[in-house]
Structures are given as C-alpha cells and as structure tokens.
Amino acid sequence: MELKDRVRLILDERHMRQKDLAEAIKVTESYISNLVGGKRDNISETLALLIEQTLGYSARWVLTGEGEPYVPEAGSPELSPAKRRLIAEIEKMSESELDAVQVFIDSLDRYRRAFRGGDGV
C-alpha cells in the first residue's frame, strides 16, 4: 500500500475531508492533496508522529505501510476498525444525537437483563 493509499484510508476511516486532515496536523490543504494525488510519496517522521498522536495511526505504518495501522491507547484495549469508525461518528454528533444514542444503549442493557432473566450474567 502506497502512502497515498494510507492517507486515503485515514480520510475514509475518520470521515474527514482533506481540509480537516490538514487542519488536524497543521499542514496546508494542498500538501494533503499532493499526498492523496501521489505527487508526494513520503512524509517526515515528525509529521508521521503527529498523525500518530492526533489520530491514532502508527507512525511506522504511516511512513512505511508496515506493521499494524493503529496504536492502542495507553491502558485501553486495542480497538477494532469498526469500533474506531463508530467512535469517529460519535465524535461528530450533536448533544441531542448523543442523548438518542444513550437511550438506545440503555434499551439494549434492559433487553440483555430481561433476556438473561435479570441476573446480569
């Protein structure tokens, strides 16, 4: 996988526009456009580390395509790509949308308890 493909994957998984990524890692939108378009085929280690710190993608993977793409957060289990996508969507939600999600989660918990006979196991 080339650098342009890794950058596109980051954009897709995080549901970001090139402008959003540029702002997140403090570069110009044209720089990101050149990465995505394949006009630039490398980035600095410093920028890769910034992507790691900001977005959770391994600097090694960003630079070389080798290894796991994600860096687990300290003290928390590694999240699957599906969980990362859900978290990215949740981060974009308004407070009222978050309230609706919480109601749904609560209803699942009530269903689990009822299904399991109320013992919580």
C-alpha atoms as a PDB file:
ATOM      1  CA  MET A   1       0.000   0.000   0.000  1.00  0.00           C
ATOM      2  CA  GLU A   2       1.439   3.336  -1.034  1.00  0.00           C
ATOM      3  CA  LEU A   3       1.457   6.462   1.118  1.00  0.00           C
ATOM      4  CA  LYS A   4      -1.384   7.963  -0.928  1.00  0.00           C
ATOM      5  CA  ASP A   5      -3.491   4.881  -0.149  1.00  0.00           C
ATOM      6  CA  ARG A   6      -2.689   5.080   3.562  1.00  0.00           C
ATOM      7  CA  VAL A   7      -3.676   8.764   3.639  1.00  0.00           C
ATOM      8  CA  ARG A   8      -6.909   7.979   1.774  1.00  0.00           C
ATOM      9  CA  LEU A   9      -7.632   5.207   4.281  1.00  0.00           C
ATOM     10  CA  ILE A  10      -7.169   7.635   7.171  1.00  0.00           C
ATOM     11  CA  LEU A  11      -9.511  10.118   5.488  1.00  0.00           C
ATOM     12  CA  ASP A  12     -12.113   7.421   4.826  1.00  0.00           C
ATOM     13  CA  GLU A  13     -11.986   5.810   8.257  1.00  0.00           C
ATOM     14  CA  ARG A  14     -12.157   9.144  10.055  1.00  0.00           C
ATOM     15  CA  HIS A  15     -14.739  10.533   7.620  1.00  0.00           C
ATOM     16  CA  MET A  16     -12.510  13.557   7.117  1.00  0.00           C
ATOM     17  CA  ARG A  17     -12.062  15.896   4.219  1.00  0.00           C
ATOM     18  CA  GLN A  18      -8.563  16.758   3.095  1.00  0.00           C
ATOM     19  CA  LYS A  19      -9.071  20.169   4.680  1.00  0.00           C
ATOM     20  CA  ASP A  20      -9.958  18.549   8.031  1.00  0.00           C
ATOM     21  CA  LEU A  21      -6.829  16.405   7.996  1.00  0.00           C
ATOM     22  CA  ALA A  22      -4.689  19.389   7.054  1.00  0.00           C
ATOM     23  CA  GLU A  23      -6.072  21.381   9.984  1.00  0.00           C
ATOM     24  CA  ALA A  24      -5.654  18.444  12.382  1.00  0.00           C
ATOM     25  CA  ILE A  25      -1.960  18.011  11.606  1.00  0.00           C
ATOM     26  CA  LYS A  26      -1.185  21.670  10.869  1.00  0.00           C
ATOM     27  CA  VAL A  27      -0.247  21.467   7.193  1.00  0.00           C
ATOM     28  CA  THR A  28      -1.770  23.042   4.112  1.00  0.00           C
ATOM     29  CA  GLU A  29      -4.679  21.520   2.264  1.00  0.00           C
ATOM     30  CA  SER A  30      -2.544  21.454  -0.895  1.00  0.00           C
ATOM     31  CA  TYR A  31       0.045  19.348   0.963  1.00  0.00           C
ATOM     32  CA  ILE A  32      -2.637  16.750   1.743  1.00  0.00           C
ATOM     33  CA  SER A  33      -3.905  16.970  -1.830  1.00  0.00           C
ATOM     34  CA  ASN A  34      -0.394  16.235  -3.091  1.00  0.00           C
ATOM     35  CA  LEU A  35      -0.164  13.217  -0.764  1.00  0.00           C
ATOM     36  CA  VAL A  36      -3.536  11.854  -1.858  1.00  0.00           C
ATOM     37  CA  GLY A  37      -2.758  12.537  -5.507  1.00  0.00           C
ATOM     38  CA  GLY A  38       0.559  10.737  -5.295  1.00  0.00           C
ATOM     39  CA  LYS A  39       2.613  13.853  -6.091  1.00  0.00           C
ATOM     40  CA  ARG A  40       4.412  13.373  -2.779  1.00  0.00           C
ATOM     41  CA  ASP A  41       5.418   9.872  -1.858  1.00  0.00           C
ATOM     42  CA  ASN A  42       6.976  10.485   1.546  1.00  0.00           C
ATOM     43  CA  ILE A  43       6.459  12.496   4.694  1.00  0.00           C
ATOM     44  CA  SER A  44       8.707  13.413   7.573  1.00  0.00           C
ATOM     45  CA  GLU A  45       8.970  11.281  10.669  1.00  0.00           C
ATOM     46  CA  THR A  46       7.831  14.319  12.664  1.00  0.00           C
ATOM     47  CA  LEU A  47       4.616  14.556  10.667  1.00  0.00           C
ATOM     48  CA  ALA A  48       4.037  10.798  10.970  1.00  0.00           C
ATOM     49  CA  LEU A  49       4.422  11.094  14.755  1.00  0.00           C
ATOM     50  CA  LEU A  50       1.941  13.977  14.765  1.00  0.00           C
ATOM     51  CA  ILE A  51      -0.559  11.787  12.886  1.00  0.00           C
ATOM     52  CA  GLU A  52       0.029   9.068  15.466  1.00  0.00           C
ATOM     53  CA  GLN A  53      -0.540  11.431  18.385  1.00  0.00           C
ATOM     54  CA  THR A  54      -3.506  13.188  16.807  1.00  0.00           C
ATOM     55  CA  LEU A  55      -5.347  10.405  15.013  1.00  0.00           C
ATOM     56  CA  GLY A  56      -4.018   7.156  16.490  1.00  0.00           C
ATOM     57  CA  TYR A  57      -2.398   5.732  13.361  1.00  0.00           C
ATOM     58  CA  SER A  58       1.034   4.202  13.897  1.00  0.00           C
ATOM     59  CA  ALA A  59       3.841   6.470  12.682  1.00  0.00           C
ATOM     60  CA  ARG A  60       5.670   3.396  11.408  1.00  0.00           C
ATOM     61  CA  TRP A  61       2.639   2.327   9.391  1.00  0.00           C
ATOM     62  CA  VAL A  62       2.104   5.841   8.029  1.00  0.00           C
ATOM     63  CA  LEU A  63       5.762   6.066   6.966  1.00  0.00           C
ATOM     64  CA  THR A  64       6.292   2.560   5.585  1.00  0.00           C
ATOM     65  CA  GLY A  65       3.000   0.691   5.431  1.00  0.00           C
ATOM     66  CA  GLU A  66       4.500  -1.942   7.731  1.00  0.00           C
ATOM     67  CA  GLY A  67       3.025  -3.180  10.983  1.00  0.00           C
ATOM     68  CA  GLU A  68      -0.375  -2.521  12.465  1.00  0.00           C
ATOM     69  CA  PRO A  69      -2.061   0.708  11.357  1.00  0.00           C
ATOM     70  CA  TYR A  70      -3.383   1.585  14.802  1.00  0.00           C
ATOM     71  CA  VAL A  71      -1.666   2.431  18.051  1.00  0.00           C
ATOM     72  CA  PRO A  72      -3.613   1.266  21.103  1.00  0.00           C
ATOM     73  CA  GLU A  73      -4.215   3.969  23.669  1.00  0.00           C
ATOM     74  CA  ALA A  74      -2.282   3.517  26.882  1.00  0.00           C
ATOM     75  CA  GLY A  75      -4.256   1.477  29.372  1.00  0.00           C
ATOM     76  CA  SER A  76      -7.043   0.598  26.968  1.00  0.00           C
ATOM     77  CA  PRO A  77      -7.542  -2.417  24.723  1.00  0.00           C
ATOM     78  CA  GLU A  78      -6.851  -2.074  21.021  1.00  0.00           C
ATOM     79  CA  LEU A  79      -9.973  -1.059  19.163  1.00  0.00           C
ATOM     80  CA  SER A  80     -11.122  -2.795  16.019  1.00  0.00           C
ATOM     81  CA  PRO A  81     -11.572  -0.728  12.840  1.00  0.00           C
ATOM     82  CA  ALA A  82     -15.364  -0.996  13.296  1.00  0.00           C
ATOM     83  CA  LYS A  83     -15.145   0.442  16.824  1.00  0.00           C
ATOM     84  CA  ARG A  84     -12.840   3.231  15.630  1.00  0.00           C
ATOM     85  CA  ARG A  85     -15.333   4.135  12.878  1.00  0.00           C
ATOM     86  CA  LEU A  86     -18.168   4.249  15.415  1.00  0.00           C
ATOM     87  CA  ILE A  87     -16.134   6.442  17.736  1.00  0.00           C
ATOM     88  CA  ALA A  88     -15.339   8.776  14.835  1.00  0.00           C
ATOM     89  CA  GLU A  89     -19.069   9.042  14.077  1.00  0.00           C
ATOM     90  CA  ILE A  90     -19.930   9.644  17.727  1.00  0.00           C
ATOM     91  CA  GLU A  91     -17.367  12.460  17.897  1.00  0.00           C
ATOM     92  CA  LYS A  92     -19.305  14.285  15.148  1.00  0.00           C
ATOM     93  CA  MET A  93     -22.710  14.000  16.851  1.00  0.00           C
ATOM     94  CA  SER A  94     -24.628  16.813  18.467  1.00  0.00           C
ATOM     95  CA  GLU A  95     -25.683  16.592  22.111  1.00  0.00           C
ATOM     96  CA  SER A  96     -29.239  15.632  21.148  1.00  0.00           C
ATOM     97  CA  GLU A  97     -27.956  12.866  18.874  1.00  0.00           C
ATOM     98  CA  LEU A  98     -25.750  11.607  21.704  1.00  0.00           C
ATOM     99  CA  ASP A  99     -28.774  11.577  24.001  1.00  0.00           C
ATOM    100  CA  ALA A 100     -30.615   9.400  21.458  1.00  0.00           C
ATOM    101  CA  VAL A 101     -27.670   7.005  21.266  1.00  0.00           C
ATOM    102  CA  GLN A 102     -27.613   6.785  25.058  1.00  0.00           C
ATOM    103  CA  VAL A 103     -31.330   5.923  25.123  1.00  0.00           C
ATOM    104  CA  PHE A 104     -30.656   3.165  22.590  1.00  0.00           C
ATOM    105  CA  ILE A 105     -27.737   1.793  24.626  1.00  0.00           C
ATOM    106  CA  ASP A 106     -29.867   1.837  27.771  1.00  0.00           C
ATOM    107  CA  SER A 107     -32.621  -0.072  25.975  1.00  0.00           C
ATOM    108  CA  LEU A 108     -30.081  -2.718  24.910  1.00  0.00           C
ATOM    109  CA  ASP A 109     -28.974  -3.079  28.511  1.00  0.00           C
ATOM    110  CA  ARG A 110     -32.585  -3.543  29.655  1.00  0.00           C
ATOM    111  CA  TYR A 111     -33.128  -6.122  26.901  1.00  0.00           C
ATOM    112  CA  ARG A 112     -29.998  -8.054  27.917  1.00  0.00           C
ATOM    113  CA  ARG A 113     -31.126  -8.169  31.551  1.00  0.00           C
ATOM    114  CA  ALA A 114     -34.622  -9.312  30.585  1.00  0.00           C
ATOM    115  CA  PHE A 115     -33.270 -11.897  28.144  1.00  0.00           C
ATOM    116  CA  ARG A 116     -30.882 -13.284  30.742  1.00  0.00           C
ATOM    117  CA  GLY A 117     -33.551 -13.485  33.418  1.00  0.00           C
ATOM    118  CA  GLY A 118     -32.471 -10.376  35.281  1.00  0.00           C
ATOM    119  CA  ASP A 119     -29.314 -11.895  36.716  1.00  0.00           C
ATOM    120  CA  GLY A 120     -26.984  -9.707  34.676  1.00  0.00           C
ATOM    121  CA  VAL A 121     -24.853 -12.694  33.614  1.00  0.00           C
END
